[in-house]
Amino acid sequence: MKISNICLLLIGMSFSVWASGCGESCPDSLDACGIGCFDLENDEKHCGKCEIACDKGEVCIEGACVCRDDHDLCGDECVSTYSNNRHCGECFNECSADEACEAGECVRCDDYGLVRCDQRCIDINFSRGACGSCGHECGEDEICIYGVCETGECEEYGFSTGCLFTTCSCYHMNDPVNCGDRLHVCNPEDSVCIDGSCQAGTCEDYSLTACPTLVSDELYMCVDTMTDILSCGGCYNACESGQSCIEGVCQ
């Protein structure tokens, strides 16, 4: 019979009432840690021994903490070289202060009209968690429009709505990665995103400019650089707050 240490302590102190869980012993396949029963061969909080927890990026296998399948051991740390700024693409390949690790490559966020926040490239124009600046979070019933927390619906401002579970954000109507809805990706081989739906052809077919996206070298966002305040006169040449884009010039 395996009885947890706390239960033995209570017995030794002559407590008349059992603590929660003290009335039952652990199955032979499990061990008692505190007032619970755990599989020390596979439990990440009790790996090999009670209270021996695996670090982030590790799993417990046969009583030992090892790197997850999608992580690599860099020094004494298990990291994802897919997104880790200190180990980008491979161990000890560190991105510079104005770069972020995206898909295993160090990229300059501002080349895509994005800002580095917490080691990731973020679109502060539409991110509810970083609206206008890193860490500036919009309220529960607000959306982020051009870096300002607003009330209402995305469509009222000329954008589409995309949701993941209960969190919704606004997206450019021509966003090829979130075309009409979150993570609705257009096929770059034969289509582009136009007004919230994937259409056949290229950006040039619609008299628009193809601007690169961070997600893939093959995905482009079609932009009217004559009127778009985020790409005025050229891709990701954003106008200052309060300005408009008229014939490709911020005014």
Protein backbone atom coordinates (compact mmCIF):
# COMPACT_ATOMS: atom_id res chain seq x y z
CA MET A 1 0.00 0.00 0.00
CA LYS A 2 1.31 3.47 -0.98
CA ILE A 3 0.09 6.26 1.31
CA SER A 4 1.11 9.87 0.77
CA ASN A 5 3.56 11.54 3.16
CA ILE A 6 0.99 14.07 4.33
CA CYS A 7 -1.34 11.27 5.33
CA LEU A 8 1.42 9.60 7.38
CA LEU A 9 2.11 12.95 9.03
CA LEU A 10 -1.54 13.36 9.96
CA ILE A 11 -1.61 9.85 11.38
CA GLY A 12 1.51 10.56 13.43
CA MET A 13 -0.11 13.69 14.84
CA SER A 14 -3.15 11.63 15.87
CA PHE A 15 -5.59 13.55 13.67
CA SER A 16 -9.02 12.03 13.96
CA VAL A 17 -10.10 13.13 10.45
CA TRP A 18 -8.41 11.98 7.27
CA ALA A 19 -7.25 14.61 4.82
CA SER A 20 -8.77 14.57 1.35
CA GLY A 21 -7.48 11.52 -0.49
CA CYS A 22 -6.04 9.84 2.61
CA GLY A 23 -8.67 7.17 2.71
CA GLU A 24 -7.36 5.45 -0.42
CA SER A 25 -3.94 4.10 -1.39
CA CYS A 26 -2.33 4.63 -4.81
CA PRO A 27 -2.53 1.88 -7.44
CA ASP A 28 0.67 -0.13 -7.87
CA SER A 29 1.44 1.72 -11.12
CA LEU A 30 1.43 5.11 -9.38
CA ASP A 31 3.35 6.74 -6.54
CA ALA A 32 2.11 9.01 -3.79
CA CYS A 33 3.34 12.61 -3.95
CA GLY A 34 1.74 14.88 -1.37
CA ILE A 35 -1.94 13.98 -1.39
CA GLY A 36 -2.03 12.78 -5.00
CA CYS A 37 -1.03 9.72 -6.99
CA PHE A 38 1.25 10.20 -10.01
CA ASP A 39 3.00 8.22 -12.71
CA LEU A 40 6.65 9.14 -12.08
CA GLU A 41 7.58 7.67 -15.46
CA ASN A 42 5.54 10.21 -17.44
CA ASP A 43 4.35 13.04 -15.20
CA GLU A 44 6.00 16.38 -16.09
CA LYS A 45 5.53 17.75 -12.55
CA HIS A 46 6.83 14.62 -10.82
CA CYS A 47 9.37 13.10 -13.20
CA GLY A 48 11.38 10.23 -11.73
CA LYS A 49 10.79 11.54 -8.22
CA CYS A 50 8.14 13.59 -6.44
CA GLU A 51 8.37 17.34 -6.98
CA ILE A 52 10.95 17.01 -9.79
CA ALA A 53 9.35 19.11 -12.54
CA CYS A 54 10.47 19.26 -16.16
CA ASP A 55 11.39 22.65 -17.61
CA LYS A 56 9.51 24.41 -20.39
CA GLY A 57 10.01 22.57 -23.66
CA GLU A 58 10.55 19.24 -21.92
CA VAL A 59 8.48 16.10 -21.45
CA CYS A 60 8.88 13.24 -18.99
CA ILE A 61 9.76 9.90 -20.60
CA GLU A 62 10.69 6.86 -18.52
CA GLY A 63 11.30 9.05 -15.50
CA ALA A 64 13.65 11.52 -17.23
CA CYS A 65 13.04 15.02 -18.60
CA VAL A 66 13.89 15.21 -22.31
CA CYS A 67 13.24 17.74 -25.09
CA ARG A 68 9.92 17.66 -26.87
CA ASP A 69 9.94 16.39 -30.47
CA ASP A 70 9.62 19.93 -31.83
CA HIS A 71 12.41 21.31 -29.57
CA ASP A 72 16.19 21.06 -29.69
CA LEU A 73 18.72 20.91 -26.87
CA CYS A 74 20.82 24.08 -27.02
CA GLY A 75 23.29 24.03 -24.17
CA ASP A 76 21.23 22.91 -21.20
CA GLU A 77 17.94 24.33 -22.52
CA CYS A 78 15.22 22.80 -24.72
CA VAL A 79 14.10 25.44 -27.22
CA SER A 80 12.06 25.79 -30.39
CA THR A 81 14.52 26.93 -33.04
CA TYR A 82 11.42 27.79 -35.08
CA SER A 83 10.68 30.88 -32.95
CA ASN A 84 13.44 31.38 -30.37
CA ASN A 85 15.36 34.65 -30.91
CA ARG A 86 18.51 33.31 -29.22
CA HIS A 87 18.49 30.04 -31.15
CA CYS A 88 16.88 30.83 -34.50
CA GLY A 89 17.01 28.01 -37.02
CA GLU A 90 19.87 26.43 -35.09
CA CYS A 91 21.45 26.61 -31.66
CA PHE A 92 23.13 29.89 -30.70
CA ASN A 93 22.08 31.72 -33.88
CA GLU A 94 20.84 34.92 -32.21
CA CYS A 95 18.68 37.50 -33.98
CA SER A 96 19.60 41.18 -33.70
CA ALA A 97 17.63 43.69 -31.62
CA ASP A 98 15.44 44.76 -34.57
CA GLU A 99 14.73 41.21 -35.73
CA ALA A 100 12.49 38.38 -34.64
CA CYS A 101 12.71 34.65 -35.27
CA GLU A 102 9.90 33.62 -37.60
CA ALA A 103 9.78 30.10 -39.03
CA GLY A 104 13.43 29.57 -38.12
CA GLU A 105 14.73 32.72 -39.81
CA CYS A 106 15.72 36.10 -38.40
CA VAL A 107 13.60 38.72 -40.11
CA ARG A 108 13.34 42.48 -39.78
CA CYS A 109 9.80 43.16 -38.59
CA ASP A 110 9.56 46.61 -40.17
CA ASP A 111 10.23 45.12 -43.61
CA TYR A 112 6.66 43.78 -43.34
CA GLY A 113 5.07 46.76 -41.64
CA LEU A 114 5.28 45.04 -38.25
CA VAL A 115 6.82 45.88 -34.87
CA ARG A 116 8.87 43.61 -32.63
CA CYS A 117 6.95 42.98 -29.40
CA ASP A 118 8.10 40.39 -26.88
CA GLN A 119 10.46 38.87 -29.47
CA ARG A 120 7.70 38.48 -32.10
CA CYS A 121 6.66 40.52 -35.13
CA ILE A 122 3.27 42.07 -34.37
CA ASP A 123 0.89 44.19 -36.44
CA ILE A 124 0.19 46.97 -33.92
CA ASN A 125 -2.37 48.45 -36.32
CA PHE A 126 -4.84 45.64 -35.67
CA SER A 127 -3.57 43.59 -32.70
CA ARG A 128 -5.95 43.80 -29.72
CA GLY A 129 -3.12 42.77 -27.41
CA ALA A 130 -0.66 45.35 -28.75
CA CYS A 131 -2.77 48.13 -30.20
CA GLY A 132 -0.66 51.10 -31.28
CA SER A 133 2.25 49.93 -29.14
CA CYS A 134 3.60 46.79 -27.50
CA GLY A 135 1.59 45.77 -24.44
CA HIS A 136 -1.30 48.18 -25.04
CA GLU A 137 -4.31 45.89 -24.81
CA CYS A 138 -7.81 46.86 -25.93
CA GLY A 139 -10.84 46.28 -23.72
CA GLU A 140 -12.99 43.18 -23.96
CA ASP A 141 -15.56 44.84 -26.25
CA GLU A 142 -13.07 46.86 -28.29
CA ILE A 143 -11.22 46.26 -31.57
CA CYS A 144 -7.93 47.71 -32.78
CA ILE A 145 -8.17 49.97 -35.82
CA TYR A 146 -5.00 51.65 -37.07
CA GLY A 147 -3.46 51.40 -33.60
CA VAL A 148 -6.46 52.83 -31.72
CA CYS A 149 -8.91 50.86 -29.58
CA GLU A 150 -12.38 51.47 -30.97
CA THR A 151 -15.91 50.21 -30.37
CA GLY A 152 -18.04 48.65 -33.10
CA GLU A 153 -17.47 46.02 -35.76
CA CYS A 154 -14.47 45.60 -38.07
CA GLU A 155 -16.71 45.84 -41.11
CA GLU A 156 -17.78 49.35 -40.08
CA TYR A 157 -14.18 50.43 -40.66
CA GLY A 158 -13.75 48.55 -43.93
CA PHE A 159 -12.06 45.43 -42.55
CA SER A 160 -12.96 41.76 -42.14
CA THR A 161 -13.36 39.94 -38.83
CA GLY A 162 -11.37 36.84 -37.94
CA CYS A 163 -11.83 34.87 -34.72
CA LEU A 164 -9.86 32.19 -32.88
CA PHE A 165 -12.08 30.67 -30.20
CA THR A 166 -13.53 33.76 -28.44
CA THR A 167 -10.82 36.24 -29.52
CA CYS A 168 -11.55 38.28 -32.65
CA SER A 169 -9.37 40.70 -34.59
CA CYS A 170 -9.70 42.89 -37.66
CA TYR A 171 -7.85 42.07 -40.85
CA HIS A 172 -7.14 43.88 -44.10
CA MET A 173 -9.76 42.91 -46.67
CA ASN A 174 -6.94 41.73 -48.95
CA ASP A 175 -4.98 39.78 -46.34
CA PRO A 176 -4.02 36.50 -48.11
CA VAL A 177 -3.51 34.66 -44.80
CA ASN A 178 -6.79 35.76 -43.22
CA CYS A 179 -8.92 36.27 -46.28
CA GLY A 180 -12.45 36.93 -45.08
CA ASP A 181 -11.80 34.93 -41.89
CA ARG A 182 -8.91 34.04 -39.60
CA LEU A 183 -6.40 31.64 -41.17
CA HIS A 184 -8.36 31.36 -44.42
CA VAL A 185 -5.31 31.23 -46.69
CA CYS A 186 -5.51 31.75 -50.45
CA ASN A 187 -3.58 29.40 -52.75
CA PRO A 188 -0.57 31.47 -53.90
CA GLU A 189 -0.26 29.44 -57.08
CA ASP A 190 -3.41 30.73 -58.69
CA SER A 191 -5.23 33.23 -56.47
CA VAL A 192 -5.02 36.39 -54.38
CA CYS A 193 -7.24 37.87 -51.70
CA ILE A 194 -9.55 40.62 -52.95
CA ASP A 195 -12.18 42.18 -50.70
CA GLY A 196 -12.28 39.23 -48.32
CA SER A 197 -12.39 36.39 -50.83
CA CYS A 198 -9.80 34.44 -52.82
CA GLN A 199 -9.90 35.42 -56.48
CA ALA A 200 -8.09 34.01 -59.50
CA GLY A 201 -5.16 35.95 -60.89
CA THR A 202 -2.47 38.27 -59.55
CA CYS A 203 -2.51 41.63 -57.79
CA GLU A 204 -1.58 43.31 -61.05
CA ASP A 205 -4.73 41.91 -62.65
CA TYR A 206 -6.68 44.11 -60.21
CA SER A 207 -4.44 47.16 -60.71
CA LEU A 208 -2.98 46.67 -57.23
CA THR A 209 0.57 46.39 -55.87
CA ALA A 210 1.82 43.05 -54.51
CA CYS A 211 3.30 43.56 -51.02
CA PRO A 212 5.24 40.68 -49.39
CA THR A 213 3.96 38.99 -46.26
CA LEU A 214 5.88 37.52 -43.34
CA VAL A 215 4.18 34.14 -43.58
CA SER A 216 5.57 33.09 -46.96
CA ASP A 217 7.64 34.41 -49.85
CA GLU A 218 4.83 33.22 -52.11
CA LEU A 219 1.99 35.06 -50.40
CA TYR A 220 1.42 38.71 -51.30
CA MET A 221 -1.14 41.21 -50.11
CA CYS A 222 -2.73 43.27 -52.88
CA VAL A 223 -2.62 46.95 -51.93
CA ASP A 224 -3.77 50.18 -53.53
CA THR A 225 -0.69 52.28 -52.79
CA MET A 226 -2.55 55.36 -54.03
CA THR A 227 -5.00 55.33 -51.11
CA ASP A 228 -3.86 52.84 -48.42
CA ILE A 229 -2.53 54.76 -45.39
CA LEU A 230 -0.44 51.74 -44.33
CA SER A 231 1.26 51.42 -47.73
CA CYS A 232 1.11 54.88 -49.22
CA GLY A 233 3.23 55.22 -52.34
CA GLY A 234 4.89 51.88 -51.60
CA CYS A 235 4.57 48.72 -49.54
CA TYR A 236 4.34 49.38 -45.79
CA ASN A 237 5.12 53.08 -46.13
CA ALA A 238 2.68 54.09 -43.38
CA CYS A 239 1.28 57.59 -43.00
CA GLU A 240 1.43 59.32 -39.65
CA SER A 241 -1.60 59.43 -37.37
CA GLY A 242 -4.29 61.74 -38.72
CA GLN A 243 -2.97 61.73 -42.28
CA SER A 244 -4.64 60.38 -45.39
CA CYS A 245 -3.08 58.79 -48.45
CA ILE A 246 -3.97 60.80 -51.55
CA GLU A 247 -2.54 59.72 -54.88
CA GLY A 248 0.26 57.87 -53.14
CA VAL A 249 1.26 60.76 -50.88
CA CYS A 250 0.63 61.10 -47.13
CA GLN A 251 -1.18 64.39 -46.47
